[in-house]
Amino acid sequence: MRDEEKIIQEKMGKGTPFRVPEGYFDRFTEQFMEQLPERQTTAPARTARMKLLRPVLLAAACLCIAIFSITMYLNRTDEPAEPAVATNMTNTVDDEFMDEAADYVMLDNADIYACLSE
């Protein structure tokens, strides 16, 4: 790598071809600030409006959630259609589910008893 750098330095020299005009950085900050666009004054008014609107939106969201919750609570049914049939169906579904789950995890009765005894 050093050989390549030496070859480049021999061909091009050590000087830099770029020059900065005299006094360029003396007024750089002032010139840069003059070129920037003026700030818009509508942004603070918009943020003030959003600050006023945010509590209203939060209150509306809470009200919607409360109405939905009350409606769901009042429309629920506590009594099953046929208690005896519902109980038998639940036991059948639970037994079938447990059998499928035991087959899936490859448990036999001895494994189940061992887990329950711990």
N, C-alpha and C. Protein backbone atom coordinates (compact mmCIF):
# COMPACT_ATOMS: atom_id res chain seq x y z
N MET A 1 0.83 -1.19 0.00
CA MET A 1 0.00 0.00 0.00
C MET A 1 0.88 1.26 0.00
N ARG A 2 1.96 1.20 0.71
CA ARG A 2 2.85 2.36 0.78
C ARG A 2 3.46 2.67 -0.59
N ASP A 3 3.71 1.64 -1.39
CA ASP A 3 4.29 1.85 -2.71
C ASP A 3 3.31 2.63 -3.60
N GLU A 4 2.04 2.27 -3.50
CA GLU A 4 1.03 2.97 -4.30
C GLU A 4 0.93 4.44 -3.89
N GLU A 5 1.00 4.70 -2.60
CA GLU A 5 0.94 6.08 -2.13
C GLU A 5 2.17 6.87 -2.61
N LYS A 6 3.31 6.25 -2.61
CA LYS A 6 4.53 6.93 -3.07
C LYS A 6 4.42 7.25 -4.56
N ILE A 7 3.88 6.33 -5.34
CA ILE A 7 3.73 6.56 -6.78
C ILE A 7 2.78 7.73 -7.02
N ILE A 8 1.67 7.77 -6.27
CA ILE A 8 0.70 8.86 -6.43
C ILE A 8 1.33 10.19 -6.02
N GLN A 9 2.08 10.21 -4.94
CA GLN A 9 2.72 11.45 -4.50
C GLN A 9 3.76 11.93 -5.50
N GLU A 10 4.47 11.02 -6.15
CA GLU A 10 5.46 11.41 -7.15
C GLU A 10 4.78 12.03 -8.38
N LYS A 11 3.63 11.45 -8.77
CA LYS A 11 2.95 11.96 -9.96
C LYS A 11 2.20 13.26 -9.66
N MET A 12 1.53 13.34 -8.53
CA MET A 12 0.65 14.46 -8.23
C MET A 12 1.32 15.52 -7.35
N GLY A 13 2.26 15.14 -6.58
CA GLY A 13 2.90 16.08 -5.66
C GLY A 13 2.17 16.07 -4.32
N LYS A 14 2.72 16.77 -3.34
CA LYS A 14 2.13 16.80 -2.01
C LYS A 14 1.17 17.96 -1.81
N GLY A 15 1.15 18.91 -2.69
CA GLY A 15 0.28 20.08 -2.55
C GLY A 15 -1.17 19.73 -2.87
N THR A 16 -2.07 20.53 -2.35
CA THR A 16 -3.50 20.32 -2.63
C THR A 16 -3.95 21.33 -3.68
N PRO A 17 -4.76 20.93 -4.63
CA PRO A 17 -5.20 21.84 -5.69
C PRO A 17 -6.35 22.74 -5.25
N PHE A 18 -6.88 22.55 -4.06
CA PHE A 18 -8.03 23.32 -3.61
C PHE A 18 -7.58 24.51 -2.77
N ARG A 19 -8.20 25.64 -3.02
CA ARG A 19 -7.86 26.86 -2.30
C ARG A 19 -9.16 27.49 -1.78
N VAL A 20 -9.07 28.09 -0.61
CA VAL A 20 -10.20 28.81 -0.02
C VAL A 20 -9.94 30.30 -0.25
N PRO A 21 -10.95 31.02 -0.72
CA PRO A 21 -10.73 32.47 -0.92
C PRO A 21 -10.39 33.18 0.39
N GLU A 22 -9.68 34.25 0.27
CA GLU A 22 -9.28 35.02 1.45
C GLU A 22 -10.53 35.59 2.14
N GLY A 23 -10.59 35.46 3.46
CA GLY A 23 -11.68 36.02 4.24
C GLY A 23 -13.00 35.27 4.09
N TYR A 24 -12.95 34.05 3.56
CA TYR A 24 -14.19 33.29 3.33
C TYR A 24 -14.90 32.97 4.63
N PHE A 25 -14.17 32.58 5.65
CA PHE A 25 -14.78 32.18 6.92
C PHE A 25 -14.98 33.35 7.89
N ASP A 26 -14.59 34.55 7.50
CA ASP A 26 -14.76 35.70 8.39
C ASP A 26 -16.25 36.02 8.61
N ARG A 27 -17.02 36.04 7.54
CA ARG A 27 -18.45 36.35 7.65
C ARG A 27 -19.31 35.14 7.28
N PHE A 28 -18.80 33.95 7.40
CA PHE A 28 -19.53 32.75 6.96
C PHE A 28 -20.84 32.58 7.73
N THR A 29 -20.82 32.75 9.04
CA THR A 29 -22.01 32.55 9.86
C THR A 29 -23.10 33.55 9.48
N GLU A 30 -22.73 34.83 9.32
CA GLU A 30 -23.72 35.86 8.98
C GLU A 30 -24.33 35.60 7.61
N GLN A 31 -23.50 35.21 6.64
CA GLN A 31 -24.02 34.94 5.30
C GLN A 31 -24.94 33.72 5.30
N PHE A 32 -24.58 32.73 6.06
CA PHE A 32 -25.40 31.53 6.12
C PHE A 32 -26.76 31.84 6.75
N MET A 33 -26.76 32.61 7.82
CA MET A 33 -28.01 32.96 8.49
C MET A 33 -28.90 33.82 7.60
N GLU A 34 -28.31 34.67 6.77
CA GLU A 34 -29.10 35.50 5.85
C GLU A 34 -29.78 34.65 4.79
N GLN A 35 -29.20 33.54 4.41
CA GLN A 35 -29.77 32.69 3.37
C GLN A 35 -30.89 31.79 3.88
N LEU A 36 -31.00 31.61 5.18
CA LEU A 36 -32.06 30.77 5.74
C LEU A 36 -33.41 31.45 5.59
N PRO A 37 -34.48 30.68 5.33
CA PRO A 37 -35.80 31.30 5.22
C PRO A 37 -36.31 31.73 6.60
N GLU A 38 -37.24 32.66 6.61
CA GLU A 38 -37.83 33.13 7.85
C GLU A 38 -38.67 32.03 8.48
N ARG A 39 -38.73 32.02 9.79
CA ARG A 39 -39.55 31.03 10.50
C ARG A 39 -41.02 31.39 10.35
N GLN A 40 -41.82 30.33 10.22
CA GLN A 40 -43.26 30.56 10.11
C GLN A 40 -43.85 30.65 11.51
N THR A 41 -44.79 31.55 11.68
CA THR A 41 -45.39 31.73 13.00
C THR A 41 -46.66 30.92 13.16
N THR A 42 -47.05 30.12 12.17
CA THR A 42 -48.28 29.33 12.28
C THR A 42 -48.07 28.07 13.11
N ALA A 43 -46.85 27.63 13.28
CA ALA A 43 -46.59 26.41 14.03
C ALA A 43 -47.00 26.51 15.49
N PRO A 44 -46.70 27.57 16.22
CA PRO A 44 -47.15 27.65 17.62
C PRO A 44 -48.67 27.66 17.75
N ALA A 45 -49.36 28.30 16.82
CA ALA A 45 -50.82 28.31 16.88
C ALA A 45 -51.37 26.90 16.69
N ARG A 46 -50.74 26.15 15.82
CA ARG A 46 -51.19 24.78 15.57
C ARG A 46 -50.96 23.90 16.80
N THR A 47 -49.82 24.04 17.45
CA THR A 47 -49.55 23.23 18.64
C THR A 47 -50.48 23.61 19.77
N ALA A 48 -50.83 24.89 19.88
CA ALA A 48 -51.78 25.32 20.92
C ALA A 48 -53.14 24.70 20.66
N ARG A 49 -53.54 24.65 19.40
CA ARG A 49 -54.82 24.03 19.05
C ARG A 49 -54.81 22.54 19.36
N MET A 50 -53.69 21.88 19.10
CA MET A 50 -53.59 20.45 19.40
C MET A 50 -53.62 20.20 20.91
N LYS A 51 -53.03 21.10 21.68
CA LYS A 51 -53.06 20.94 23.14
C LYS A 51 -54.47 21.05 23.67
N LEU A 52 -55.30 21.87 23.04
CA LEU A 52 -56.69 21.98 23.46
C LEU A 52 -57.53 20.81 22.96
N LEU A 53 -57.18 20.28 21.82
CA LEU A 53 -57.96 19.21 21.20
C LEU A 53 -57.67 17.85 21.84
N ARG A 54 -56.48 17.63 22.34
CA ARG A 54 -56.10 16.33 22.89
C ARG A 54 -57.00 15.88 24.04
N PRO A 55 -57.30 16.71 25.05
CA PRO A 55 -58.20 16.24 26.13
C PRO A 55 -59.60 15.92 25.63
N VAL A 56 -60.06 16.66 24.65
CA VAL A 56 -61.39 16.39 24.09
C VAL A 56 -61.40 15.02 23.42
N LEU A 57 -60.35 14.71 22.67
CA LEU A 57 -60.28 13.40 22.01
C LEU A 57 -60.16 12.27 23.03
N LEU A 58 -59.39 12.48 24.08
CA LEU A 58 -59.27 11.46 25.12
C LEU A 58 -60.60 11.23 25.82
N ALA A 59 -61.33 12.29 26.10
CA ALA A 59 -62.63 12.15 26.74
C ALA A 59 -63.60 11.42 25.82
N ALA A 60 -63.57 11.71 24.53
CA ALA A 60 -64.45 11.03 23.59
C ALA A 60 -64.11 9.54 23.50
N ALA A 61 -62.84 9.19 23.52
CA ALA A 61 -62.43 7.79 23.48
C ALA A 61 -62.88 7.05 24.74
N CYS A 62 -62.72 7.69 25.90
CA CYS A 62 -63.16 7.06 27.15
C CYS A 62 -64.68 6.87 27.16
N LEU A 63 -65.40 7.82 26.63
CA LEU A 63 -66.86 7.72 26.57
C LEU A 63 -67.28 6.57 25.67
N CYS A 64 -66.63 6.42 24.53
CA CYS A 64 -66.95 5.31 23.61
C CYS A 64 -66.67 3.97 24.28
N ILE A 65 -65.56 3.85 24.97
CA ILE A 65 -65.23 2.60 25.65
C ILE A 65 -66.24 2.30 26.75
N ALA A 66 -66.66 3.33 27.49
CA ALA A 66 -67.64 3.13 28.55
C ALA A 66 -68.98 2.69 27.98
N ILE A 67 -69.44 3.31 26.91
CA ILE A 67 -70.72 2.92 26.30
C ILE A 67 -70.65 1.50 25.78
N PHE A 68 -69.55 1.14 25.13
CA PHE A 68 -69.40 -0.23 24.62
C PHE A 68 -69.40 -1.23 25.76
N SER A 69 -68.70 -0.93 26.83
CA SER A 69 -68.62 -1.85 27.97
C SER A 69 -69.97 -2.03 28.64
N ILE A 70 -70.69 -0.96 28.83
CA ILE A 70 -72.02 -1.04 29.46
C ILE A 70 -72.97 -1.84 28.57
N THR A 71 -72.91 -1.62 27.27
CA THR A 71 -73.77 -2.36 26.34
C THR A 71 -73.46 -3.85 26.40
N MET A 72 -72.21 -4.21 26.43
CA MET A 72 -71.83 -5.62 26.49
C MET A 72 -72.27 -6.22 27.83
N TYR A 73 -72.16 -5.48 28.90
CA TYR A 73 -72.55 -5.98 30.23
C TYR A 73 -74.06 -6.21 30.30
N LEU A 74 -74.84 -5.30 29.77
CA LEU A 74 -76.29 -5.41 29.84
C LEU A 74 -76.85 -6.47 28.88
N ASN A 75 -76.15 -6.79 27.81
CA ASN A 75 -76.64 -7.76 26.83
C ASN A 75 -76.17 -9.18 27.10
N ARG A 76 -75.45 -9.41 28.17
CA ARG A 76 -74.97 -10.76 28.45
C ARG A 76 -76.11 -11.60 29.01
N THR A 77 -76.01 -12.92 28.82
CA THR A 77 -77.01 -13.85 29.36
C THR A 77 -76.33 -14.74 30.38
N ASP A 78 -76.98 -14.91 31.54
CA ASP A 78 -76.40 -15.71 32.60
C ASP A 78 -76.90 -17.14 32.61
N GLU A 79 -78.05 -17.38 32.07
CA GLU A 79 -78.64 -18.72 32.17
C GLU A 79 -78.40 -19.51 30.89
N PRO A 80 -77.85 -20.71 30.99
CA PRO A 80 -77.66 -21.54 29.81
C PRO A 80 -79.00 -22.09 29.33
N ALA A 81 -79.08 -22.46 28.09
CA ALA A 81 -80.33 -22.95 27.50
C ALA A 81 -80.77 -24.25 28.17
N GLU A 82 -79.89 -25.24 28.23
CA GLU A 82 -80.20 -26.52 28.88
C GLU A 82 -78.98 -26.91 29.71
N PRO A 83 -79.05 -26.76 31.03
CA PRO A 83 -77.87 -27.01 31.86
C PRO A 83 -77.35 -28.44 31.76
N ALA A 84 -78.19 -29.44 31.71
CA ALA A 84 -77.74 -30.82 31.69
C ALA A 84 -77.00 -31.13 30.38
N VAL A 85 -77.54 -30.67 29.28
CA VAL A 85 -76.91 -30.92 27.99
C VAL A 85 -75.60 -30.16 27.88
N ALA A 86 -75.60 -28.95 28.38
CA ALA A 86 -74.38 -28.16 28.30
C ALA A 86 -73.27 -28.79 29.13
N THR A 87 -73.58 -29.36 30.29
CA THR A 87 -72.58 -30.00 31.13
C THR A 87 -72.03 -31.24 30.44
N ASN A 88 -72.91 -32.05 29.86
CA ASN A 88 -72.46 -33.26 29.17
C ASN A 88 -71.60 -32.92 27.97
N MET A 89 -71.97 -31.89 27.25
CA MET A 89 -71.18 -31.49 26.07
C MET A 89 -69.80 -30.99 26.52
N THR A 90 -69.76 -30.26 27.61
CA THR A 90 -68.49 -29.74 28.10
C THR A 90 -67.56 -30.87 28.51
N ASN A 91 -68.10 -31.88 29.21
CA ASN A 91 -67.27 -33.01 29.63
C ASN A 91 -66.77 -33.78 28.42
N THR A 92 -67.60 -33.95 27.41
CA THR A 92 -67.20 -34.68 26.22
C THR A 92 -66.09 -33.93 25.49
N VAL A 93 -66.27 -32.64 25.35
CA VAL A 93 -65.26 -31.85 24.66
C VAL A 93 -63.96 -31.85 25.47
N ASP A 94 -64.05 -31.71 26.78
CA ASP A 94 -62.86 -31.72 27.61
C ASP A 94 -62.12 -33.05 27.52
N ASP A 95 -62.88 -34.17 27.55
CA ASP A 95 -62.25 -35.48 27.46
C ASP A 95 -61.57 -35.67 26.12
N GLU A 96 -62.24 -35.26 25.04
CA GLU A 96 -61.64 -35.41 23.71
C GLU A 96 -60.39 -34.53 23.60
N PHE A 97 -60.48 -33.33 24.13
CA PHE A 97 -59.33 -32.43 24.08
C PHE A 97 -58.16 -33.00 24.87
N MET A 98 -58.44 -33.51 26.06
CA MET A 98 -57.37 -34.07 26.89
C MET A 98 -56.73 -35.29 26.22
N ASP A 99 -57.56 -36.13 25.58
CA ASP A 99 -57.01 -37.29 24.89
C ASP A 99 -56.10 -36.86 23.74
N GLU A 100 -56.54 -35.87 22.97
CA GLU A 100 -55.72 -35.38 21.86
C GLU A 100 -54.44 -34.73 22.37
N ALA A 101 -54.55 -33.97 23.45
CA ALA A 101 -53.37 -33.32 24.01
C ALA A 101 -52.38 -34.35 24.55
N ALA A 102 -52.88 -35.40 25.20
CA ALA A 102 -52.00 -36.44 25.73
C ALA A 102 -51.31 -37.19 24.60
N ASP A 103 -52.05 -37.44 23.51
CA ASP A 103 -51.43 -38.09 22.35
C ASP A 103 -50.38 -37.19 21.72
N TYR A 104 -50.66 -35.91 21.67
CA TYR A 104 -49.73 -34.97 21.05
C TYR A 104 -48.41 -34.90 21.81
N VAL A 105 -48.46 -34.85 23.12
CA VAL A 105 -47.23 -34.75 23.90
C VAL A 105 -46.68 -36.12 24.29
N MET A 106 -47.35 -37.19 23.82
CA MET A 106 -46.92 -38.58 24.03
C MET A 106 -46.84 -38.92 25.51
N LEU A 107 -47.89 -38.58 26.25
CA LEU A 107 -47.97 -38.93 27.66
C LEU A 107 -48.82 -40.17 27.83
N ASP A 108 -48.42 -41.05 28.69
CA ASP A 108 -49.28 -42.17 29.05
C ASP A 108 -49.73 -41.97 30.50
N ASN A 109 -50.50 -42.90 31.02
CA ASN A 109 -51.04 -42.74 32.37
C ASN A 109 -49.95 -42.64 33.43
N ALA A 110 -48.87 -43.38 33.28
CA ALA A 110 -47.79 -43.36 34.27
C ALA A 110 -47.16 -41.96 34.32
N ASP A 111 -46.95 -41.33 33.15
CA ASP A 111 -46.38 -39.97 33.11
C ASP A 111 -47.32 -38.97 33.76
N ILE A 112 -48.62 -39.11 33.50
CA ILE A 112 -49.59 -38.19 34.07
C ILE A 112 -49.61 -38.33 35.57
N TYR A 113 -49.62 -39.58 36.08
CA TYR A 113 -49.62 -39.80 37.53
C TYR A 113 -48.34 -39.24 38.18
N ALA A 114 -47.22 -39.39 37.48
CA ALA A 114 -45.95 -38.88 38.00
C ALA A 114 -45.98 -37.35 38.10
N CYS A 115 -46.57 -36.71 37.08
CA CYS A 115 -46.67 -35.24 37.11
C CYS A 115 -47.60 -34.77 38.21
N LEU A 116 -48.71 -35.49 38.42
CA LEU A 116 -49.68 -35.09 39.44
C LEU A 116 -49.17 -35.34 40.86
N SER A 117 -48.31 -36.33 41.03
CA SER A 117 -47.84 -36.67 42.36
C SER A 117 -46.76 -35.70 42.86
N GLU A 118 -46.14 -34.97 41.97
CA GLU A 118 -45.08 -34.05 42.37
C GLU A 118 -45.59 -32.84 43.02
